[in-house]
Amino acid sequence: HEGLDIFAPRGTPVLAAVDGVVRSTRTNNLGGIVVWLRDEVADQSLYYAHLDTQVVQRGQRLKIGDTLGFVGNSGNARTTPPHLHFGVYVRGEGAVNPLPFVRAGVPMERDVIASVELGSWVRTRSGGVEVYRDPSRVPAPRRSIERGTPLLVLGASTNLLRVRLPDGTTGFVPPRVLEGVDRALAEERFDGGNQVLVEPSPLAPAVALAPDEPLQVLGRFGGYALVRVDGERAGWVAMD
């Protein structure tokens, strides 16, 4: 995901966060209408995606606070509420977590959110966790999820984390109902040679074979266990 989703009403002005030069304005299937702003002082680039419209052009020099476009849901965000995908890319390093650079308009649960890396796994610490459809806390049209369900962190918005459930659906949950997966739920032995899959589905591609030794279980969902393989990688193994 390599960025932060900031939800706002469609048409909200999107402002330059630094003095810089517009490196690129384009439209593509992934980010939709996007603007790249080059920060020459810090030697980094800011990425603004899913815009409704652009109001700048390549080579234009901007000052902090100049409007470069307006919030939308273009590209692969067309099925989600309007939001800005904001990314920070440092020369020689690639994408960095933009959250420490962002000041929200209301207090965030910073002690929890700041400790969670985008693209990392977390899990529910209790059962009956409600998943919200958007940051206004409108309930998503799905059942609540159980304790120990692994969730992939996609972004953050105010006091909520945007997550992907193991079945591929996305939603928002408060960080207080989540915990990290550094500590395993259990250690279990699976049939040696079982495939470790990238998703909890028999049709998913395999990333490894389960060794004939106990594996750390990070979470469970739909008859599958999320396990740690080779001390680092995570994958899914059928529990039957």
Protein backbone atom coordinates (compact mmCIF):
# COMPACT_ATOMS: atom_id res chain seq x y z
CA HIS A 1 0.00 0.00 0.00
CA GLU A 2 2.97 2.27 0.79
CA GLY A 3 0.97 5.27 1.95
CA LEU A 4 -1.65 6.75 4.24
CA ASP A 5 -5.35 7.06 3.40
CA ILE A 6 -6.83 10.37 4.61
CA PHE A 7 -10.60 10.41 4.29
CA ALA A 8 -12.44 13.64 3.54
CA PRO A 9 -15.54 14.77 1.60
CA ARG A 10 -15.25 14.80 -2.18
CA GLY A 11 -13.95 18.15 -3.40
CA THR A 12 -11.92 18.94 -0.27
CA PRO A 13 -8.83 20.90 -1.39
CA VAL A 14 -5.59 18.91 -1.36
CA LEU A 15 -2.66 21.15 -0.41
CA ALA A 16 1.06 21.10 -1.03
CA ALA A 17 2.73 19.96 2.20
CA VAL A 18 6.13 21.34 1.14
CA ASP A 19 7.61 23.96 -1.16
CA GLY A 20 8.47 22.08 -4.32
CA VAL A 21 8.09 21.44 -8.03
CA VAL A 22 5.36 19.33 -9.62
CA ARG A 23 7.28 16.42 -11.07
CA SER A 24 4.37 14.67 -12.73
CA THR A 25 0.61 14.76 -13.21
CA ARG A 26 -0.99 11.69 -14.70
CA THR A 27 -3.91 9.30 -14.66
CA ASN A 28 -3.55 5.54 -14.24
CA ASN A 29 -5.66 2.53 -13.23
CA LEU A 30 -4.12 2.20 -9.76
CA GLY A 31 -3.85 5.72 -8.33
CA GLY A 32 -6.36 7.32 -10.68
CA ILE A 33 -5.68 11.03 -10.96
CA VAL A 34 -2.31 11.61 -9.27
CA VAL A 35 0.23 14.35 -8.61
CA TRP A 36 3.91 13.88 -7.71
CA LEU A 37 5.45 16.85 -5.86
CA ARG A 38 9.24 17.02 -5.59
CA ASP A 39 10.64 18.29 -2.26
CA GLU A 40 14.10 19.43 -3.33
CA VAL A 41 15.22 20.43 0.17
CA ALA A 42 14.57 17.04 1.79
CA ASP A 43 15.38 15.10 -1.40
CA GLN A 44 12.03 13.29 -1.37
CA SER A 45 8.82 13.14 -3.39
CA LEU A 46 5.24 13.41 -2.15
CA TYR A 47 2.59 11.32 -3.86
CA TYR A 48 -1.07 12.39 -3.98
CA ALA A 49 -3.50 9.85 -5.47
CA HIS A 50 -7.22 9.15 -6.05
CA LEU A 51 -7.85 12.84 -6.76
CA ASP A 52 -11.12 14.02 -8.27
CA THR A 53 -9.28 16.67 -10.31
CA GLN A 54 -5.79 18.16 -10.70
CA VAL A 55 -5.24 21.91 -10.86
CA VAL A 56 -1.48 21.96 -11.44
CA GLN A 57 0.82 20.97 -14.27
CA ARG A 58 4.27 19.44 -14.64
CA GLY A 59 7.09 21.86 -13.83
CA GLN A 60 4.91 24.20 -11.78
CA ARG A 61 6.50 25.47 -8.56
CA LEU A 62 4.29 25.35 -5.45
CA LYS A 63 4.44 26.83 -1.98
CA ILE A 64 3.18 25.15 1.19
CA GLY A 65 -0.60 25.46 1.23
CA ASP A 66 -1.10 25.82 -2.53
CA THR A 67 -3.97 23.72 -3.85
CA LEU A 68 -2.84 20.97 -6.21
CA GLY A 69 -6.13 19.11 -6.59
CA PHE A 70 -9.30 17.96 -4.86
CA VAL A 71 -10.20 14.80 -2.94
CA GLY A 72 -11.92 12.04 -4.93
CA ASN A 73 -11.90 8.28 -5.34
CA SER A 74 -10.44 7.79 -8.81
CA GLY A 75 -8.45 4.73 -9.88
CA ASN A 76 -8.82 1.56 -7.84
CA ALA A 77 -10.51 3.56 -5.05
CA ARG A 78 -13.73 4.00 -7.04
CA THR A 79 -15.60 1.57 -4.75
CA THR A 80 -14.47 3.32 -1.53
CA PRO A 81 -15.46 6.61 0.09
CA PRO A 82 -13.51 9.66 -1.20
CA HIS A 83 -10.04 9.91 0.29
CA LEU A 84 -6.50 11.05 -0.40
CA HIS A 85 -3.77 8.44 -0.69
CA PHE A 86 -0.65 10.25 0.55
CA GLY A 87 2.81 8.79 0.16
CA VAL A 88 6.38 9.88 0.90
CA TYR A 89 9.27 8.48 -1.15
CA VAL A 90 12.89 9.16 -0.23
CA ARG A 91 15.59 8.95 -2.90
CA GLY A 92 17.57 5.76 -2.47
CA GLU A 93 15.16 4.33 0.12
CA GLY A 94 11.79 4.15 -1.59
CA ALA A 95 8.53 4.50 0.33
CA VAL A 96 8.66 5.51 4.00
CA ASN A 97 5.81 5.55 6.52
CA PRO A 98 4.15 8.99 6.14
CA LEU A 99 2.25 8.79 9.44
CA PRO A 100 4.93 10.53 11.57
CA PHE A 101 4.79 13.51 9.17
CA VAL A 102 1.02 13.96 9.43
CA ARG A 103 -0.79 15.94 12.09
CA ALA A 104 -4.45 14.97 12.35
CA GLY A 105 -7.13 17.53 13.12
CA VAL A 106 -8.17 15.55 16.21
CA PRO A 107 -6.07 13.53 18.65
CA MET A 108 -5.10 10.06 17.45
CA GLU A 109 -4.40 6.97 19.47
CA ARG A 110 -0.77 7.64 18.64
CA ASP A 111 0.72 5.21 21.11
CA VAL A 112 -0.99 2.38 19.21
CA ILE A 113 -1.14 3.64 15.64
CA ALA A 114 2.43 4.94 15.55
CA SER A 115 3.70 1.50 16.54
CA VAL A 116 1.94 -0.23 13.63
CA GLU A 117 3.68 -0.40 10.27
CA LEU A 118 1.59 -0.22 7.14
CA GLY A 119 1.55 -3.66 5.54
CA SER A 120 2.03 -5.47 8.85
CA TRP A 121 -0.18 -8.12 10.43
CA VAL A 122 -2.21 -7.53 13.59
CA ARG A 123 -5.02 -9.59 15.16
CA THR A 124 -8.15 -9.05 17.19
CA ARG A 125 -7.62 -9.34 20.94
CA SER A 126 -11.26 -10.26 21.66
CA GLY A 127 -14.32 -11.59 19.89
CA GLY A 128 -17.25 -9.63 18.49
CA VAL A 129 -15.08 -6.89 16.96
CA GLU A 130 -17.16 -4.55 14.80
CA VAL A 131 -15.79 -3.68 11.36
CA TYR A 132 -16.75 -0.25 10.03
CA ARG A 133 -17.33 0.56 6.38
CA ASP A 134 -15.79 4.04 6.60
CA PRO A 135 -14.18 6.39 9.17
CA SER A 136 -17.58 7.79 10.18
CA ARG A 137 -18.08 4.40 11.89
CA VAL A 138 -20.90 3.22 9.67
CA PRO A 139 -21.08 -0.56 10.28
CA ALA A 140 -19.88 -2.66 7.37
CA PRO A 141 -22.38 -5.11 5.84
CA ARG A 142 -20.70 -8.17 7.35
CA ARG A 143 -20.70 -10.02 10.65
CA SER A 144 -18.38 -9.07 13.46
CA ILE A 145 -15.10 -10.95 13.58
CA GLU A 146 -13.76 -13.38 16.15
CA ARG A 147 -10.83 -13.26 18.55
CA GLY A 148 -7.47 -14.00 16.96
CA THR A 149 -8.50 -13.00 13.42
CA PRO A 150 -5.44 -11.75 11.50
CA LEU A 151 -5.82 -8.37 9.78
CA LEU A 152 -3.43 -6.67 7.35
CA VAL A 153 -2.92 -2.94 8.07
CA LEU A 154 -3.50 -0.79 4.97
CA GLY A 155 -3.70 2.72 6.40
CA ALA A 156 -4.90 4.96 9.21
CA SER A 157 -7.54 7.62 9.61
CA THR A 158 -7.90 9.61 12.84
CA ASN A 159 -8.65 6.94 15.48
CA LEU A 160 -9.18 4.02 13.13
CA LEU A 161 -6.97 1.65 11.19
CA ARG A 162 -7.92 0.58 7.68
CA VAL A 163 -7.44 -3.18 7.42
CA ARG A 164 -7.90 -6.07 5.03
CA LEU A 165 -9.62 -9.18 6.35
CA PRO A 166 -8.34 -12.63 5.32
CA ASP A 167 -11.26 -12.99 2.89
CA GLY A 168 -10.08 -9.90 0.99
CA THR A 169 -12.68 -7.44 2.26
CA THR A 170 -11.58 -4.18 3.82
CA GLY A 171 -12.88 -1.97 6.60
CA PHE A 172 -11.97 0.12 9.62
CA VAL A 173 -11.40 -0.95 13.22
CA PRO A 174 -10.24 0.94 16.32
CA PRO A 175 -6.66 0.10 17.33
CA ARG A 176 -7.64 -0.63 20.93
CA VAL A 177 -9.28 -3.92 19.86
CA LEU A 178 -6.10 -5.11 18.13
CA GLU A 179 -2.75 -6.50 19.17
CA GLY A 180 0.49 -7.30 17.40
CA VAL A 181 1.54 -10.75 16.29
CA ASP A 182 5.05 -10.67 17.75
CA ARG A 183 3.85 -13.11 20.41
CA ALA A 184 2.35 -16.26 18.92
CA LEU A 185 -1.03 -17.55 20.05
CA ALA A 186 0.36 -21.08 20.20
CA GLU A 187 2.85 -23.49 18.67
CA GLU A 188 1.26 -26.30 16.70
CA ARG A 189 2.48 -29.14 14.55
CA PHE A 190 0.97 -29.59 11.10
CA ASP A 191 1.39 -32.46 8.69
CA GLY A 192 4.87 -32.17 7.26
CA GLY A 193 4.74 -31.27 3.59
CA ASN A 194 1.44 -29.36 3.86
CA GLN A 195 1.47 -26.32 1.63
CA VAL A 196 1.86 -22.90 3.22
CA LEU A 197 -0.40 -20.61 1.18
CA VAL A 198 -0.43 -16.86 0.55
CA GLU A 199 -4.17 -16.72 1.37
CA PRO A 200 -6.57 -18.90 3.39
CA SER A 201 -7.96 -20.64 0.31
CA PRO A 202 -7.24 -24.01 -1.31
CA LEU A 203 -6.85 -22.17 -4.64
CA ALA A 204 -4.14 -19.83 -3.35
CA PRO A 205 -0.52 -20.29 -4.50
CA ALA A 206 1.95 -21.87 -2.08
CA VAL A 207 4.96 -20.06 -0.67
CA ALA A 208 6.56 -23.01 1.14
CA LEU A 209 5.97 -26.46 2.59
CA ALA A 210 5.21 -26.87 6.29
CA PRO A 211 8.20 -28.41 8.07
CA ASP A 212 7.78 -31.45 10.30
CA GLU A 213 8.14 -29.37 13.45
CA PRO A 214 5.90 -27.02 15.49
CA LEU A 215 5.09 -23.66 13.89
CA GLN A 216 4.13 -20.41 15.58
CA VAL A 217 0.42 -19.69 15.03
CA LEU A 218 -0.21 -15.95 14.65
CA GLY A 219 -3.98 -16.15 14.11
CA ARG A 220 -6.84 -18.25 12.76
CA PHE A 221 -9.55 -17.72 10.17
CA GLY A 222 -11.99 -19.97 8.33
CA GLY A 223 -10.29 -23.30 9.04
CA TYR A 224 -6.79 -21.94 8.37
CA ALA A 225 -3.97 -20.84 10.66
CA LEU A 226 -1.64 -17.94 9.88
CA VAL A 227 1.81 -19.26 10.75
CA ARG A 228 5.31 -17.88 10.83
CA VAL A 229 7.67 -19.69 8.45
CA ASP A 230 11.48 -19.49 8.52
CA GLY A 231 11.23 -17.07 11.45
CA GLU A 232 9.98 -14.20 9.27
CA ARG A 233 7.51 -14.95 6.48
CA ALA A 234 3.86 -15.53 7.25
CA GLY A 235 1.54 -17.90 5.40
CA TRP A 236 -1.63 -19.93 5.81
CA VAL A 237 -1.91 -23.66 6.60
CA ALA A 238 -5.12 -25.71 6.66
CA MET A 239 -5.93 -26.79 10.22
CA ASP A 240 -7.66 -30.06 9.19
